[in-house]
């Protein structure tokens, strides 16, 4: 039989710090977005609309995360 803890992935200190920093940044981003509920006029590529600021912040965060993910994958190659 297997010993207790076998098969469990152990994280290095830098991985734990990166995870903690990521969780903290996500928490701050969610709090920041949730506190900004006002409507703002946004010039999208195809139209201009009054959009809740939380939507604008969320779109910006997702675009930034996507660009970061793509660049990280390119660097890993």
PDB file of N, CA and C in Angstrom:
ATOM      1  N   UNK A   1       0.834  -1.186   0.000  1.00  0.00           N
ATOM      2  CA  UNK A   1       0.000   0.000   0.000  1.00  0.00           C
ATOM      3  C   UNK A   1       0.878   1.248   0.000  1.00  0.00           C
ATOM      4  N   UNK A   2       0.268   2.357  -0.324  1.00  0.00           N
ATOM      5  CA  UNK A   2       1.042   3.590  -0.407  1.00  0.00           C
ATOM      6  C   UNK A   2       1.064   4.296   0.944  1.00  0.00           C
ATOM      7  N   UNK A   3       2.148   4.995   1.182  1.00  0.00           N
ATOM      8  CA  UNK A   3       2.287   5.755   2.421  1.00  0.00           C
ATOM      9  C   UNK A   3       1.460   7.031   2.329  1.00  0.00           C
ATOM     10  N   UNK A   4       1.129   7.582   3.463  1.00  0.00           N
ATOM     11  CA  UNK A   4       0.342   8.820   3.490  1.00  0.00           C
ATOM     12  C   UNK A   4       1.135   9.945   2.836  1.00  0.00           C
ATOM     13  N   UNK A   5       0.465  10.710   1.980  1.00  0.00           N
ATOM     14  CA  UNK A   5       1.118  11.836   1.332  1.00  0.00           C
ATOM     15  C   UNK A   5       1.706  11.500  -0.019  1.00  0.00           C
ATOM     16  N   UNK A   6       1.830  10.230  -0.351  1.00  0.00           N
ATOM     17  CA  UNK A   6       2.363   9.866  -1.662  1.00  0.00           C
ATOM     18  C   UNK A   6       1.376  10.272  -2.733  1.00  0.00           C
ATOM     19  N   UNK A   7       1.896  10.692  -3.859  1.00  0.00           N
ATOM     20  CA  UNK A   7       1.028  11.114  -4.940  1.00  0.00           C
ATOM     21  C   UNK A   7       0.574  12.558  -4.814  1.00  0.00           C
ATOM     22  N   UNK A   8       0.838  13.153  -3.673  1.00  0.00           N
ATOM     23  CA  UNK A   8       0.470  14.546  -3.459  1.00  0.00           C
ATOM     24  C   UNK A   8       1.582  15.433  -4.002  1.00  0.00           C
ATOM     25  N   UNK A   9       1.212  16.456  -4.764  1.00  0.00           N
ATOM     26  CA  UNK A   9       2.211  17.352  -5.324  1.00  0.00           C
ATOM     27  C   UNK A   9       2.687  18.332  -4.255  1.00  0.00           C
ATOM     28  N   UNK A  10       3.987  18.383  -4.075  1.00  0.00           N
ATOM     29  CA  UNK A  10       4.573  19.343  -3.147  1.00  0.00           C
ATOM     30  C   UNK A  10       4.973  20.582  -3.939  1.00  0.00           C
ATOM     31  N   UNK A  11       4.616  21.739  -3.449  1.00  0.00           N
ATOM     32  CA  UNK A  11       4.946  22.990  -4.117  1.00  0.00           C
ATOM     33  C   UNK A  11       6.210  23.580  -3.503  1.00  0.00           C
ATOM     34  N   UNK A  12       7.019  24.176  -4.354  1.00  0.00           N
ATOM     35  CA  UNK A  12       8.203  24.860  -3.856  1.00  0.00           C
ATOM     36  C   UNK A  12       7.779  26.177  -3.218  1.00  0.00           C
ATOM     37  N   UNK A  13       8.710  26.799  -2.526  1.00  0.00           N
ATOM     38  CA  UNK A  13       8.408  28.068  -1.856  1.00  0.00           C
ATOM     39  C   UNK A  13       8.021  29.131  -2.875  1.00  0.00           C
ATOM     40  N   UNK A  14       8.728  29.187  -3.998  1.00  0.00           N
ATOM     41  CA  UNK A  14       8.407  30.206  -5.003  1.00  0.00           C
ATOM     42  C   UNK A  14       7.037  29.956  -5.629  1.00  0.00           C
ATOM     43  N   UNK A  15       6.644  28.705  -5.786  1.00  0.00           N
ATOM     44  CA  UNK A  15       5.314  28.396  -6.317  1.00  0.00           C
ATOM     45  C   UNK A  15       4.234  28.813  -5.329  1.00  0.00           C
ATOM     46  N   UNK A  16       4.470  28.582  -4.037  1.00  0.00           N
ATOM     47  CA  UNK A  16       3.494  28.990  -3.021  1.00  0.00           C
ATOM     48  C   UNK A  16       3.374  30.515  -2.972  1.00  0.00           C
ATOM     49  N   UNK A  17       4.501  31.226  -3.077  1.00  0.00           N
ATOM     50  CA  UNK A  17       4.467  32.683  -3.083  1.00  0.00           C
ATOM     51  C   UNK A  17       3.747  33.214  -4.318  1.00  0.00           C
ATOM     52  N   UNK A  18       4.003  32.600  -5.469  1.00  0.00           N
ATOM     53  CA  UNK A  18       3.335  33.024  -6.707  1.00  0.00           C
ATOM     54  C   UNK A  18       1.833  32.797  -6.594  1.00  0.00           C
ATOM     55  N   UNK A  19       1.425  31.668  -6.037  1.00  0.00           N
ATOM     56  CA  UNK A  19       0.007  31.377  -5.853  1.00  0.00           C
ATOM     57  C   UNK A  19      -0.636  32.377  -4.901  1.00  0.00           C
ATOM     58  N   UNK A  20       0.032  32.668  -3.796  1.00  0.00           N
ATOM     59  CA  UNK A  20      -0.508  33.628  -2.825  1.00  0.00           C
ATOM     60  C   UNK A  20      -0.626  35.021  -3.445  1.00  0.00           C
ATOM     61  N   UNK A  21       0.380  35.429  -4.211  1.00  0.00           N
ATOM     62  CA  UNK A  21       0.333  36.737  -4.865  1.00  0.00           C
ATOM     63  C   UNK A  21      -0.788  36.777  -5.896  1.00  0.00           C
ATOM     64  N   UNK A  22      -0.977  35.709  -6.624  1.00  0.00           N
ATOM     65  CA  UNK A  22      -2.051  35.652  -7.623  1.00  0.00           C
ATOM     66  C   UNK A  22      -3.416  35.754  -6.963  1.00  0.00           C
ATOM     67  N   UNK A  23      -3.603  35.029  -5.885  1.00  0.00           N
ATOM     68  CA  UNK A  23      -4.883  35.069  -5.168  1.00  0.00           C
ATOM     69  C   UNK A  23      -5.126  36.478  -4.628  1.00  0.00           C
ATOM     70  N   UNK A  24      -4.094  37.108  -4.074  1.00  0.00           N
ATOM     71  CA  UNK A  24      -4.244  38.463  -3.537  1.00  0.00           C
ATOM     72  C   UNK A  24      -4.593  39.457  -4.655  1.00  0.00           C
ATOM     73  N   UNK A  25      -3.933  39.350  -5.802  1.00  0.00           N
ATOM     74  CA  UNK A  25      -4.219  40.253  -6.915  1.00  0.00           C
ATOM     75  C   UNK A  25      -5.633  40.052  -7.453  1.00  0.00           C
ATOM     76  N   UNK A  26      -6.064  38.820  -7.539  1.00  0.00           N
ATOM     77  CA  UNK A  26      -7.432  38.547  -8.005  1.00  0.00           C
ATOM     78  C   UNK A  26      -8.439  39.125  -7.016  1.00  0.00           C
ATOM     79  N   UNK A  27      -8.184  38.965  -5.732  1.00  0.00           N
ATOM     80  CA  UNK A  27      -9.094  39.496  -4.708  1.00  0.00           C
ATOM     81  C   UNK A  27      -9.186  41.024  -4.795  1.00  0.00           C
ATOM     82  N   UNK A  28      -8.046  41.687  -4.968  1.00  0.00           N
ATOM     83  CA  UNK A  28      -8.044  43.152  -5.092  1.00  0.00           C
ATOM     84  C   UNK A  28      -8.778  43.571  -6.362  1.00  0.00           C
ATOM     85  N   UNK A  29      -8.542  42.865  -7.475  1.00  0.00           N
ATOM     86  CA  UNK A  29      -9.205  43.195  -8.741  1.00  0.00           C
ATOM     87  C   UNK A  29     -10.720  43.027  -8.631  1.00  0.00           C
ATOM     88  N   UNK A  30     -11.165  41.949  -8.007  1.00  0.00           N
ATOM     89  CA  UNK A  30     -12.603  41.714  -7.845  1.00  0.00           C
ATOM     90  C   UNK A  30     -13.213  42.786  -6.953  1.00  0.00           C
ATOM     91  N   UNK A  31     -12.554  43.115  -5.859  1.00  0.00           N
ATOM     92  CA  UNK A  31     -13.053  44.163  -4.956  1.00  0.00           C
ATOM     93  C   UNK A  31     -13.106  45.515  -5.672  1.00  0.00           C
ATOM     94  N   UNK A  32     -12.055  45.841  -6.405  1.00  0.00           N
ATOM     95  CA  UNK A  32     -12.006  47.102  -7.151  1.00  0.00           C
ATOM     96  C   UNK A  32     -13.134  47.177  -8.167  1.00  0.00           C
ATOM     97  N   UNK A  33     -13.348  46.104  -8.905  1.00  0.00           N
ATOM     98  CA  UNK A  33     -14.418  46.082  -9.913  1.00  0.00           C
ATOM     99  C   UNK A  33     -15.791  46.180  -9.249  1.00  0.00           C
ATOM    100  N   UNK A  34     -15.986  45.472  -8.152  1.00  0.00           N
ATOM    101  CA  UNK A  34     -17.288  45.454  -7.487  1.00  0.00           C
ATOM    102  C   UNK A  34     -17.654  46.816  -6.887  1.00  0.00           C
ATOM    103  N   UNK A  35     -16.667  47.607  -6.538  1.00  0.00           N
ATOM    104  CA  UNK A  35     -16.935  48.913  -5.937  1.00  0.00           C
ATOM    105  C   UNK A  35     -17.190  50.003  -6.973  1.00  0.00           C
ATOM    106  N   UNK A  36     -16.974  49.697  -8.253  1.00  0.00           N
ATOM    107  CA  UNK A  36     -17.144  50.687  -9.318  1.00  0.00           C
ATOM    108  C   UNK A  36     -18.334  50.305 -10.184  1.00  0.00           C
ATOM    109  N   UNK A  37     -19.517  50.692  -9.740  1.00  0.00           N
ATOM    110  CA  UNK A  37     -20.748  50.302 -10.416  1.00  0.00           C
ATOM    111  C   UNK A  37     -21.352  51.417 -11.263  1.00  0.00           C
ATOM    112  N   UNK A  38     -20.726  52.588 -11.297  1.00  0.00           N
ATOM    113  CA  UNK A  38     -21.258  53.705 -12.079  1.00  0.00           C
ATOM    114  C   UNK A  38     -21.221  53.389 -13.576  1.00  0.00           C
ATOM    115  N   UNK A  39     -22.064  54.097 -14.323  1.00  0.00           N
ATOM    116  CA  UNK A  39     -22.070  53.954 -15.778  1.00  0.00           C
ATOM    117  C   UNK A  39     -21.114  54.969 -16.390  1.00  0.00           C
ATOM    118  N   UNK A  40     -20.390  54.548 -17.411  1.00  0.00           N
ATOM    119  CA  UNK A  40     -19.465  55.428 -18.126  1.00  0.00           C
ATOM    120  C   UNK A  40     -19.705  55.269 -19.621  1.00  0.00           C
ATOM    121  N   UNK A  41     -19.412  56.331 -20.369  1.00  0.00           N
ATOM    122  CA  UNK A  41     -19.540  56.268 -21.827  1.00  0.00           C
ATOM    123  C   UNK A  41     -18.255  55.649 -22.366  1.00  0.00           C
ATOM    124  N   UNK A  42     -18.414  54.562 -23.125  1.00  0.00           N
ATOM    125  CA  UNK A  42     -17.270  53.832 -23.664  1.00  0.00           C
ATOM    126  C   UNK A  42     -17.352  53.819 -25.183  1.00  0.00           C
ATOM    127  N   UNK A  43     -16.249  54.175 -25.826  1.00  0.00           N
ATOM    128  CA  UNK A  43     -16.146  54.101 -27.285  1.00  0.00           C
ATOM    129  C   UNK A  43     -15.565  52.737 -27.640  1.00  0.00           C
ATOM    130  N   UNK A  44     -16.454  51.762 -27.875  1.00  0.00           N
ATOM    131  CA  UNK A  44     -16.014  50.449 -28.324  1.00  0.00           C
ATOM    132  C   UNK A  44     -15.589  50.588 -29.785  1.00  0.00           C
ATOM    133  N   UNK A  45     -15.062  49.566 -30.362  1.00  0.00           N
ATOM    134  CA  UNK A  45     -14.584  49.632 -31.742  1.00  0.00           C
ATOM    135  C   UNK A  45     -15.730  49.917 -32.709  1.00  0.00           C
ATOM    136  N   UNK A  46     -16.897  49.354 -32.450  1.00  0.00           N
ATOM    137  CA  UNK A  46     -18.018  49.468 -33.393  1.00  0.00           C
ATOM    138  C   UNK A  46     -19.115  50.421 -32.951  1.00  0.00           C
ATOM    139  N   UNK A  47     -19.142  50.816 -31.694  1.00  0.00           N
ATOM    140  CA  UNK A  47     -20.223  51.675 -31.210  1.00  0.00           C
ATOM    141  C   UNK A  47     -19.799  52.376 -29.922  1.00  0.00           C
ATOM    142  N   UNK A  48     -20.585  53.370 -29.531  1.00  0.00           N
ATOM    143  CA  UNK A  48     -20.394  54.061 -28.255  1.00  0.00           C
ATOM    144  C   UNK A  48     -21.617  53.781 -27.392  1.00  0.00           C
ATOM    145  N   UNK A  49     -21.368  53.296 -26.181  1.00  0.00           N
ATOM    146  CA  UNK A  49     -22.476  52.944 -25.289  1.00  0.00           C
ATOM    147  C   UNK A  49     -22.178  53.404 -23.865  1.00  0.00           C
ATOM    148  N   UNK A  50     -23.244  53.515 -23.083  1.00  0.00           N
ATOM    149  CA  UNK A  50     -23.103  53.720 -21.645  1.00  0.00           C
ATOM    150  C   UNK A  50     -23.031  52.329 -21.017  1.00  0.00           C
ATOM    151  N   UNK A  51     -21.907  52.047 -20.390  1.00  0.00           N
ATOM    152  CA  UNK A  51     -21.628  50.712 -19.872  1.00  0.00           C
ATOM    153  C   UNK A  51     -21.253  50.812 -18.399  1.00  0.00           C
ATOM    154  N   UNK A  52     -21.683  49.852 -17.583  1.00  0.00           N
ATOM    155  CA  UNK A  52     -21.240  49.857 -16.183  1.00  0.00           C
ATOM    156  C   UNK A  52     -19.710  49.741 -16.107  1.00  0.00           C
ATOM    157  N   UNK A  53     -19.109  50.507 -15.235  1.00  0.00           N
ATOM    158  CA  UNK A  53     -17.653  50.507 -15.099  1.00  0.00           C
ATOM    159  C   UNK A  53     -17.127  49.121 -14.731  1.00  0.00           C
ATOM    160  N   UNK A  54     -17.916  48.339 -14.003  1.00  0.00           N
ATOM    161  CA  UNK A  54     -17.488  46.989 -13.638  1.00  0.00           C
ATOM    162  C   UNK A  54     -17.249  46.140 -14.894  1.00  0.00           C
ATOM    163  N   UNK A  55     -18.057  46.353 -15.936  1.00  0.00           N
ATOM    164  CA  UNK A  55     -17.874  45.615 -17.189  1.00  0.00           C
ATOM    165  C   UNK A  55     -16.584  46.045 -17.872  1.00  0.00           C
ATOM    166  N   UNK A  56     -16.324  47.341 -17.887  1.00  0.00           N
ATOM    167  CA  UNK A  56     -15.105  47.860 -18.509  1.00  0.00           C
ATOM    168  C   UNK A  56     -13.871  47.314 -17.786  1.00  0.00           C
ATOM    169  N   UNK A  57     -13.894  47.342 -16.467  1.00  0.00           N
ATOM    170  CA  UNK A  57     -12.769  46.833 -15.679  1.00  0.00           C
ATOM    171  C   UNK A  57     -12.577  45.345 -15.920  1.00  0.00           C
ATOM    172  N   UNK A  58     -13.666  44.588 -15.925  1.00  0.00           N
ATOM    173  CA  UNK A  58     -13.575  43.144 -16.138  1.00  0.00           C
ATOM    174  C   UNK A  58     -13.019  42.816 -17.519  1.00  0.00           C
ATOM    175  N   UNK A  59     -13.485  43.526 -18.544  1.00  0.00           N
ATOM    176  CA  UNK A  59     -12.969  43.300 -19.905  1.00  0.00           C
ATOM    177  C   UNK A  59     -11.481  43.606 -19.953  1.00  0.00           C
ATOM    178  N   UNK A  60     -11.064  44.701 -19.342  1.00  0.00           N
ATOM    179  CA  UNK A  60      -9.638  45.051 -19.327  1.00  0.00           C
ATOM    180  C   UNK A  60      -8.806  44.003 -18.597  1.00  0.00           C
ATOM    181  N   UNK A  61      -9.309  43.518 -17.475  1.00  0.00           N
ATOM    182  CA  UNK A  61      -8.586  42.481 -16.732  1.00  0.00           C
ATOM    183  C   UNK A  61      -8.474  41.187 -17.545  1.00  0.00           C
ATOM    184  N   UNK A  62      -9.552  40.805 -18.224  1.00  0.00           N
ATOM    185  CA  UNK A  62      -9.517  39.588 -19.029  1.00  0.00           C
ATOM    186  C   UNK A  62      -8.581  39.725 -20.232  1.00  0.00           C
ATOM    187  N   UNK A  63      -8.602  40.886 -20.876  1.00  0.00           N
ATOM    188  CA  UNK A  63      -7.691  41.115 -22.006  1.00  0.00           C
ATOM    189  C   UNK A  63      -6.238  41.075 -21.515  1.00  0.00           C
ATOM    190  N   UNK A  64      -5.962  41.723 -20.401  1.00  0.00           N
ATOM    191  CA  UNK A  64      -4.607  41.700 -19.840  1.00  0.00           C
ATOM    192  C   UNK A  64      -4.157  40.309 -19.444  1.00  0.00           C
ATOM    193  N   UNK A  65      -5.055  39.539 -18.831  1.00  0.00           N
ATOM    194  CA  UNK A  65      -4.714  38.163 -18.453  1.00  0.00           C
ATOM    195  C   UNK A  65      -4.468  37.310 -19.692  1.00  0.00           C
ATOM    196  N   UNK A  66      -5.271  37.518 -20.720  1.00  0.00           N
ATOM    197  CA  UNK A  66      -5.083  36.767 -21.966  1.00  0.00           C
ATOM    198  C   UNK A  66      -3.752  37.080 -22.621  1.00  0.00           C
ATOM    199  N   UNK A  67      -3.400  38.356 -22.668  1.00  0.00           N
ATOM    200  CA  UNK A  67      -2.109  38.750 -23.248  1.00  0.00           C
ATOM    201  C   UNK A  67      -0.954  38.182 -22.414  1.00  0.00           C
ATOM    202  N   UNK A  68      -1.065  38.251 -21.111  1.00  0.00           N
ATOM    203  CA  UNK A  68      -0.035  37.681 -20.244  1.00  0.00           C
ATOM    204  C   UNK A  68       0.111  36.182 -20.428  1.00  0.00           C
ATOM    205  N   UNK A  69      -1.008  35.491 -20.569  1.00  0.00           N
ATOM    206  CA  UNK A  69      -0.979  34.037 -20.773  1.00  0.00           C
ATOM    207  C   UNK A  69      -0.301  33.702 -22.094  1.00  0.00           C
ATOM    208  N   UNK A  70      -0.645  34.440 -23.151  1.00  0.00           N
ATOM    209  CA  UNK A  70      -0.045  34.199 -24.468  1.00  0.00           C
ATOM    210  C   UNK A  70       1.456  34.458 -24.419  1.00  0.00           C
ATOM    211  N   UNK A  71       1.874  35.560 -23.798  1.00  0.00           N
ATOM    212  CA  UNK A  71       3.294  35.870 -23.714  1.00  0.00           C
ATOM    213  C   UNK A  71       4.054  34.858 -22.868  1.00  0.00           C
ATOM    214  N   UNK A  72       3.438  34.367 -21.800  1.00  0.00           N
ATOM    215  CA  UNK A  72       4.082  33.352 -20.960  1.00  0.00           C
ATOM    216  C   UNK A  72       4.268  32.053 -21.737  1.00  0.00           C
ATOM    217  N   UNK A  73       3.297  31.685 -22.549  1.00  0.00           N
ATOM    218  CA  UNK A  73       3.424  30.462 -23.367  1.00  0.00           C
ATOM    219  C   UNK A  73       4.526  30.622 -24.408  1.00  0.00           C
ATOM    220  N   UNK A  74       4.629  31.817 -24.994  1.00  0.00           N
ATOM    221  CA  UNK A  74       5.672  32.054 -25.996  1.00  0.00           C
ATOM    222  C   UNK A  74       7.055  31.988 -25.355  1.00  0.00           C
ATOM    223  N   UNK A  75       7.185  32.512 -24.140  1.00  0.00           N
ATOM    224  CA  UNK A  75       8.480  32.503 -23.446  1.00  0.00           C
ATOM    225  C   UNK A  75       8.881  31.086 -23.069  1.00  0.00           C
ATOM    226  N   UNK A  76       7.909  30.232 -22.760  1.00  0.00           N
ATOM    227  CA  UNK A  76       8.189  28.858 -22.332  1.00  0.00           C
ATOM    228  C   UNK A  76       8.732  27.993 -23.458  1.00  0.00           C
ATOM    229  N   UNK A  77       8.471  28.375 -24.693  1.00  0.00           N
ATOM    230  CA  UNK A  77       8.944  27.558 -25.830  1.00  0.00           C
ATOM    231  C   UNK A  77      10.401  27.638 -26.045  1.00  0.00           C
TER     232      UNK A  77
END
